[in-house]
Protein backbone atom coordinates (compact mmCIF):
# COMPACT_ATOMS: atom_id res chain seq x y z
CA MET A 1 -103.23 26.67 -144.69
CA SER A 2 -99.45 28.76 -146.26
CA ASP A 3 -98.00 28.74 -149.43
CA ARG A 4 -95.12 27.36 -147.57
CA LEU A 5 -96.75 24.30 -145.27
CA VAL A 6 -98.77 23.72 -149.22
CA ARG A 7 -95.09 23.69 -150.91
CA VAL A 8 -94.04 21.11 -148.21
CA LEU A 9 -97.42 18.90 -148.03
CA ARG A 10 -96.74 18.80 -152.27
CA LEU A 11 -93.37 17.38 -151.75
CA ALA A 12 -94.10 14.95 -149.42
CA VAL A 13 -96.57 13.06 -151.06
CA PHE A 14 -94.34 13.07 -154.31
CA SER A 15 -91.57 11.20 -152.23
CA PHE A 16 -93.93 8.55 -151.09
CA LEU A 17 -95.20 8.63 -154.86
CA VAL A 18 -91.72 8.48 -156.72
CA ALA A 19 -91.33 5.61 -153.45
CA SER A 20 -94.10 3.23 -154.79
CA ALA A 21 -94.21 3.76 -158.32
CA PRO A 22 -94.25 0.79 -160.64
CA PRO A 23 -90.34 0.67 -162.93
CA LEU A 24 -90.25 2.14 -165.73
CA SER A 25 -89.72 0.27 -169.10
CA ALA A 26 -85.45 0.24 -170.31
CA GLN A 27 -86.01 2.24 -173.09
CA THR A 28 -88.51 4.31 -174.89
CA LEU A 29 -89.31 4.55 -178.29
CA VAL A 30 -87.81 7.87 -179.65
CA VAL A 31 -87.91 8.97 -183.20
CA GLY A 32 -87.13 12.99 -184.13
CA GLN A 33 -85.60 15.62 -181.97
CA LEU A 34 -86.58 18.56 -179.82
CA GLY A 35 -84.30 21.06 -178.08
CA ILE A 36 -84.45 24.83 -178.49
CA PRO A 37 -86.00 26.44 -181.30
CA GLY A 38 -84.14 27.33 -183.94
CA ASP A 39 -84.46 29.38 -187.49
CA PRO A 40 -87.07 28.65 -190.01
CA ILE A 41 -85.86 26.14 -192.61
CA ALA A 42 -85.79 27.80 -195.83
CA VAL A 43 -87.58 25.55 -198.36
CA SER A 44 -90.50 26.45 -200.65
CA ALA A 45 -93.73 24.83 -200.89
CA PRO A 46 -94.69 21.87 -201.31
CA SER A 47 -91.43 20.61 -199.52
CA THR A 48 -90.67 17.30 -197.54
CA VAL A 49 -87.56 17.82 -195.03
CA LEU A 50 -86.24 14.55 -193.67
CA GLN A 51 -84.71 13.76 -190.36
CA PRO A 52 -82.54 10.99 -190.63
CA GLY A 53 -80.56 12.02 -187.38
CA PHE A 54 -82.00 10.87 -185.18
CA PRO A 55 -84.28 7.35 -186.24
CA ALA A 56 -86.22 5.15 -184.37
CA ASN A 57 -84.29 3.34 -181.50
CA ARG A 58 -86.13 0.46 -181.79
CA ASP A 59 -89.35 -0.50 -182.96
CA GLY A 60 -92.41 0.11 -181.99
CA ARG A 61 -95.73 2.30 -182.56
CA VAL A 62 -96.44 5.80 -182.26
CA THR A 63 -99.10 8.14 -181.28
CA GLU A 64 -98.69 11.63 -181.59
CA ALA A 65 -96.22 14.19 -183.03
CA THR A 66 -94.79 18.07 -181.73
CA PHE A 67 -93.33 20.50 -184.14
CA LEU A 68 -93.08 24.04 -184.39
CA TRP A 69 -93.89 25.57 -187.17
CA SER A 70 -92.69 29.70 -187.95
CA ALA A 71 -96.72 31.10 -188.12
CA ALA A 72 -100.08 30.83 -187.00
CA PRO A 73 -102.82 30.33 -187.47
CA CYS A 74 -101.62 27.82 -191.14
CA PRO A 75 -104.75 25.87 -192.22
CA ALA A 76 -104.03 22.52 -193.34
CA ALA A 77 -100.78 23.26 -193.61
CA VAL A 78 -98.41 20.40 -192.15
CA LYS A 79 -98.18 16.57 -192.87
CA ILE A 80 -95.65 14.32 -190.66
CA LYS A 81 -94.04 11.69 -192.98
CA PHE A 82 -92.14 8.36 -192.44
CA PHE A 83 -89.72 6.80 -194.16
CA ARG A 84 -86.89 3.66 -194.33
CA PRO A 85 -83.43 3.15 -195.57
CA SER A 86 -83.23 1.16 -198.53
CA SER A 87 -81.53 -2.00 -197.58
CA ALA A 88 -80.62 -1.76 -201.79
CA THR A 89 -78.70 1.33 -201.63
CA PRO A 90 -78.05 2.12 -198.07
CA GLY A 91 -76.76 5.66 -197.18
CA GLY A 92 -78.32 7.41 -199.90
CA GLN A 93 -82.33 6.20 -200.73
CA TYR A 94 -85.29 6.09 -198.27
CA VAL A 95 -88.59 4.50 -198.79
CA PHE A 96 -92.24 5.86 -198.20
CA LEU A 97 -93.81 4.39 -195.65
CA ASP A 98 -97.11 6.43 -194.47
CA GLN A 99 -97.99 9.90 -193.26
CA ARG A 100 -100.92 11.61 -191.46
CA GLY A 101 -102.37 15.06 -192.09
CA PRO A 102 -102.62 17.53 -193.45
CA PHE A 103 -102.91 19.49 -190.09
CA ASP A 104 -103.82 22.48 -188.76
CA VAL A 105 -100.92 25.16 -187.00
CA ALA A 106 -103.45 26.45 -184.72
CA GLU A 107 -101.28 27.71 -181.38
CA LEU A 108 -99.24 30.26 -181.06
CA ALA A 109 -96.03 28.67 -178.30
CA SER A 110 -96.13 30.56 -174.57
CA SER A 111 -92.59 30.91 -174.67
CA ALA A 112 -91.27 34.31 -173.34
CA ILE A 113 -87.66 33.30 -174.96
CA ARG A 114 -89.60 32.61 -178.75
CA PRO A 115 -92.96 33.35 -178.41
CA ARG A 116 -93.44 33.67 -182.37
CA PRO A 117 -93.40 30.14 -183.46
CA ALA A 118 -96.39 27.81 -182.91
CA THR A 119 -95.85 24.51 -180.81
CA GLN A 120 -98.45 22.08 -182.28
CA THR A 121 -98.63 18.20 -181.06
CA VAL A 122 -101.14 16.45 -182.94
CA ARG A 123 -103.04 12.95 -182.62
CA LEU A 124 -101.77 10.22 -185.47
CA GLU A 125 -104.73 8.42 -186.45
CA PRO A 126 -104.37 5.39 -186.89
CA PRO A 127 -100.93 5.05 -185.04
CA VAL A 128 -98.13 4.14 -187.06
CA GLU A 129 -95.96 1.06 -186.54
CA LEU A 130 -92.35 1.57 -186.85
CA GLN A 131 -89.02 0.04 -186.75
CA VAL A 132 -86.01 0.80 -185.22
CA GLY A 133 -83.71 2.85 -187.94
CA ASP A 134 -87.05 4.81 -189.57
CA ILE A 135 -87.07 8.34 -189.62
CA VAL A 136 -89.47 11.26 -189.44
CA ALA A 137 -89.74 13.73 -191.98
CA ILE A 138 -92.36 17.09 -192.00
CA SER A 139 -93.72 18.51 -194.76
CA ASN A 140 -95.39 21.97 -195.75
CA LEU A 141 -97.84 22.19 -198.06
CA THR A 142 -98.35 25.94 -198.37
CA SER A 143 -96.80 29.38 -198.08
CA CYS A 144 -97.87 29.61 -194.84
CA GLY A 145 -95.31 29.27 -192.28
CA ALA A 146 -92.65 26.87 -192.50
CA PRO A 147 -90.32 24.11 -190.18
CA LEU A 148 -88.31 25.44 -188.04
CA SER A 149 -84.93 23.91 -186.84
CA ALA A 150 -83.87 22.65 -183.58
CA VAL A 151 -80.38 24.28 -182.51
CA LEU A 152 -79.41 21.95 -179.28
CA PRO A 153 -79.85 18.21 -180.16
CA PRO A 154 -81.62 17.49 -176.58
CA ARG A 155 -80.78 13.51 -175.16
CA GLY A 156 -76.91 15.09 -175.24
CA ILE A 157 -76.13 14.23 -178.44
CA PRO A 158 -73.39 17.31 -179.49
CA ALA A 159 -73.01 17.29 -183.15
CA PRO A 160 -75.82 18.81 -185.27
CA ALA A 161 -78.01 15.97 -187.65
CA THR A 162 -78.57 15.64 -191.13
CA TYR A 163 -81.88 16.88 -192.71
CA TYR A 164 -82.38 16.33 -196.69
CA ALA A 165 -85.19 18.73 -197.64
CA VAL A 166 -87.05 17.55 -201.35
CA PRO A 167 -89.11 19.36 -202.77
CA GLY A 168 -92.82 18.32 -203.23
CA ASP A 169 -95.76 16.67 -201.14
CA VAL A 170 -93.39 12.60 -201.37
CA THR A 171 -95.41 9.49 -201.36
CA GLY A 172 -92.22 7.60 -203.02
CA THR A 173 -88.68 7.07 -202.38
CA VAL A 174 -86.36 9.83 -202.22
CA SER A 175 -82.08 10.19 -202.55
CA ALA A 176 -81.45 12.17 -199.07
CA SER A 177 -78.35 14.51 -199.89
CA GLY A 178 -77.77 18.08 -198.74
CA ALA A 179 -75.09 19.64 -196.05
CA PRO A 180 -75.07 19.02 -192.85
CA GLN A 181 -77.34 21.36 -190.61
CA PHE A 182 -79.20 20.95 -187.10
CA GLY A 183 -82.59 18.54 -188.57
CA PRO A 184 -85.97 20.07 -188.22
CA PHE A 185 -87.85 20.37 -184.93
CA VAL A 186 -90.10 17.62 -185.07
CA SER A 187 -91.23 14.37 -182.45
CA LEU A 188 -92.56 11.57 -182.03
CA ALA A 189 -94.48 9.91 -179.13
CA ALA A 190 -95.14 6.41 -178.74
CA ASP A 191 -97.50 4.59 -176.70
CA ASP A 192 -95.28 4.10 -173.83
CA GLY A 193 -95.36 8.21 -173.97
CA THR A 194 -99.20 8.52 -172.86
CA LEU A 195 -100.33 7.92 -169.09
CA SER A 196 -103.38 5.84 -169.48
CA LEU A 197 -106.74 6.72 -166.53
CA LEU A 198 -109.88 5.17 -165.83
CA GLY A 199 -109.01 2.02 -167.58
CA ASN A 200 -107.71 3.65 -170.63
CA ARG A 201 -110.51 5.47 -171.20
CA PHE A 202 -108.09 8.52 -171.18
CA ARG A 203 -105.10 8.81 -172.57
CA ALA A 204 -102.83 12.08 -171.64
CA SER A 205 -99.70 13.69 -173.04
CA LEU A 206 -96.89 16.28 -172.76
CA VAL A 207 -94.74 18.43 -173.56
CA ALA A 208 -92.77 20.89 -171.55
CA THR A 209 -90.49 23.88 -172.05
CA ASN A 210 -87.71 25.51 -169.91
CA PRO A 211 -88.40 28.59 -169.45
CA ARG A 212 -84.91 30.20 -169.07
CA THR A 213 -83.42 28.79 -172.13
CA GLY A 214 -86.58 27.11 -174.31
CA GLN A 215 -85.53 23.80 -174.73
CA ILE A 216 -88.92 21.39 -174.97
CA THR A 217 -88.98 17.75 -173.90
CA HIS A 218 -91.74 15.24 -174.16
CA GLY A 219 -92.85 13.93 -170.31
CA LEU A 220 -92.15 10.28 -169.39
CA PRO A 221 -95.97 9.19 -167.65
CA VAL A 222 -95.37 7.07 -164.60
CA ALA A 223 -99.16 5.67 -163.58
CA ILE A 224 -99.99 5.52 -159.95
CA GLU A 225 -103.16 3.98 -160.16
CA ASN A 226 -106.09 3.60 -162.21
CA ALA A 227 -107.03 7.54 -161.85
CA ALA A 228 -103.46 9.35 -161.45
CA GLY A 229 -100.31 9.53 -162.36
CA TYR A 230 -97.47 12.16 -163.28
CA PHE A 231 -94.84 13.23 -165.79
CA THR A 232 -91.01 13.57 -165.04
CA LEU A 233 -89.11 15.50 -167.88
CA PRO A 234 -85.72 13.76 -168.03
CA GLY A 235 -84.86 15.74 -171.56
CA LEU A 236 -84.64 18.56 -168.82
CA THR A 237 -83.72 17.57 -165.90
CA GLY A 238 -81.58 14.19 -166.97
CA ASP A 239 -83.82 12.15 -164.08
CA PRO A 240 -86.50 9.80 -165.36
CA LEU A 241 -88.16 9.17 -161.64
CA PHE A 242 -87.99 12.26 -160.58
CA PRO A 243 -91.78 14.19 -160.23
CA GLU A 244 -92.60 17.13 -162.39
CA ILE A 245 -96.25 17.77 -163.37
CA MET A 246 -98.99 15.49 -161.57
CA LEU A 247 -102.52 14.28 -162.71
CA LYS A 248 -105.47 13.03 -161.67
CA MET A 249 -109.22 12.36 -163.17
CA VAL A 250 -111.81 11.60 -161.43
CA ASP A 251 -115.13 9.41 -162.43
CA ALA A 252 -118.25 11.42 -161.08
CA THR A 253 -120.57 10.22 -164.32
CA ALA A 254 -122.63 8.42 -161.49
CA SER A 255 -123.55 11.84 -159.27
CA PRO A 256 -125.41 14.47 -160.66
CA SER A 257 -125.05 16.46 -158.11
CA LEU A 258 -121.34 16.54 -159.18
CA GLY A 259 -122.54 17.13 -162.62
CA GLY A 260 -122.04 13.89 -163.75
CA THR A 261 -118.89 14.34 -165.77
CA PHE A 262 -115.40 13.16 -165.76
CA TRP A 263 -112.72 15.56 -163.92
CA VAL A 264 -109.13 16.33 -164.47
CA PHE A 265 -106.94 18.10 -161.93
CA HIS A 266 -102.79 18.80 -162.89
CA SER A 267 -100.71 20.13 -160.87
CA PRO A 268 -96.84 21.36 -161.14
CA LEU A 269 -93.67 20.81 -158.91
CA THR A 270 -91.96 23.03 -160.97
CA ASP A 271 -91.90 26.34 -163.02
CA THR A 272 -91.44 25.19 -166.29
CA THR A 273 -94.47 25.58 -168.72
CA TYR A 274 -95.76 22.28 -169.58
CA GLN A 275 -99.44 21.59 -172.43
CA LEU A 276 -100.81 18.85 -171.07
CA THR A 277 -103.47 16.70 -173.55
CA VAL A 278 -106.17 14.86 -172.48
CA VAL A 279 -107.75 12.34 -174.94
CA ASP A 280 -111.05 10.22 -174.50
CA THR A 281 -110.67 7.12 -176.45
CA ILE A 282 -114.12 6.49 -176.54
CA SER A 283 -115.61 9.85 -178.15
CA GLY A 284 -112.07 11.37 -180.00
CA ARG A 285 -112.78 14.51 -177.23
CA THR A 286 -109.54 16.29 -176.86
CA ARG A 287 -108.38 19.22 -174.25
CA THR A 288 -105.29 20.90 -174.08
CA TYR A 289 -104.12 22.71 -170.64
CA THR A 290 -101.45 25.27 -170.20
CA ASN A 291 -99.48 27.00 -167.63
CA GLY A 292 -97.90 30.24 -169.89
CA VAL A 293 -94.86 32.03 -167.89
CA GLY A 294 -96.70 35.09 -165.94
CA ALA A 295 -100.29 33.05 -166.35
CA PRO A 296 -102.66 33.12 -163.53
CA GLY A 297 -101.63 29.51 -161.05
CA GLN A 298 -98.52 28.61 -163.65
CA LEU A 299 -97.41 27.46 -160.35
CA CYS A 300 -100.48 26.13 -158.97
CA GLY A 301 -102.33 24.10 -161.87
CA GLY A 302 -106.18 23.64 -162.63
CA VAL A 303 -109.14 21.83 -162.45
CA ASP A 304 -111.87 21.18 -165.35
CA THR A 305 -115.02 19.43 -164.22
CA SER A 306 -116.72 20.03 -167.55
CA ALA A 307 -114.68 19.19 -170.48
CA PHE A 308 -115.26 15.13 -170.97
CA PHE A 309 -118.92 13.45 -170.77
CA PRO A 310 -120.17 10.37 -170.39
């Protein structure tokens, strides 16, 4: 079968999927910002960098955080923190809510635009309940690397956000003061940012990078059925319905001849690079799949028949 025919068949299949997919929720919980990687934020360790420019747009529960770091590997270097504006002193005080970490920074970004920063997606266990207006912060606990700024705010926001850097591994109320700067490159994913597969046994999330600009965004999941779905990239395309990356899982645990495992298939319909994370909610086992620029199979995806066991 020719490559052209394969592409035509894929587009035909996904045209059907878009038409038959269930409607998306009216508003996805958004906290923090992604965008195009900027420069490291000049802070000494330990420090906490608050991002009040992109507060939670609604109440909800966040399950993942994605951030960029200036170096890797950096063991036990990062905490993700959560703050709430103080109603007693609006505009200047933020009350500490909760934190997760410390997290290792272990993965170098595969972007051809800025290959040095490390992209990291971490699970927030347990998930964190937020209210509208709550903000995210990122702490550097060691002198290994620092958080990066996001130089181009996403979602069409034209002005830079203000970040506030305060000394220490903060666990109390802080006063926010500082000059306007582009905020730290950190964003949270909510429950509605993950794709549920095989009766919620598995949860999948996706972070994508535009190979031409370096802009990074979360994938928005659309379920097709119990075992399959796809991700759209409205942060890059502006279209929350157009399919970009397909994901399917197969339960072969009852078939010894097929290995007795769960199978993972993923396939792009774009040259956008991505980091796909699949989590087994029962065992806690996690696997991450990437399609770096120029890598074999970048436009073909991949299959994993041995990552997950009953």
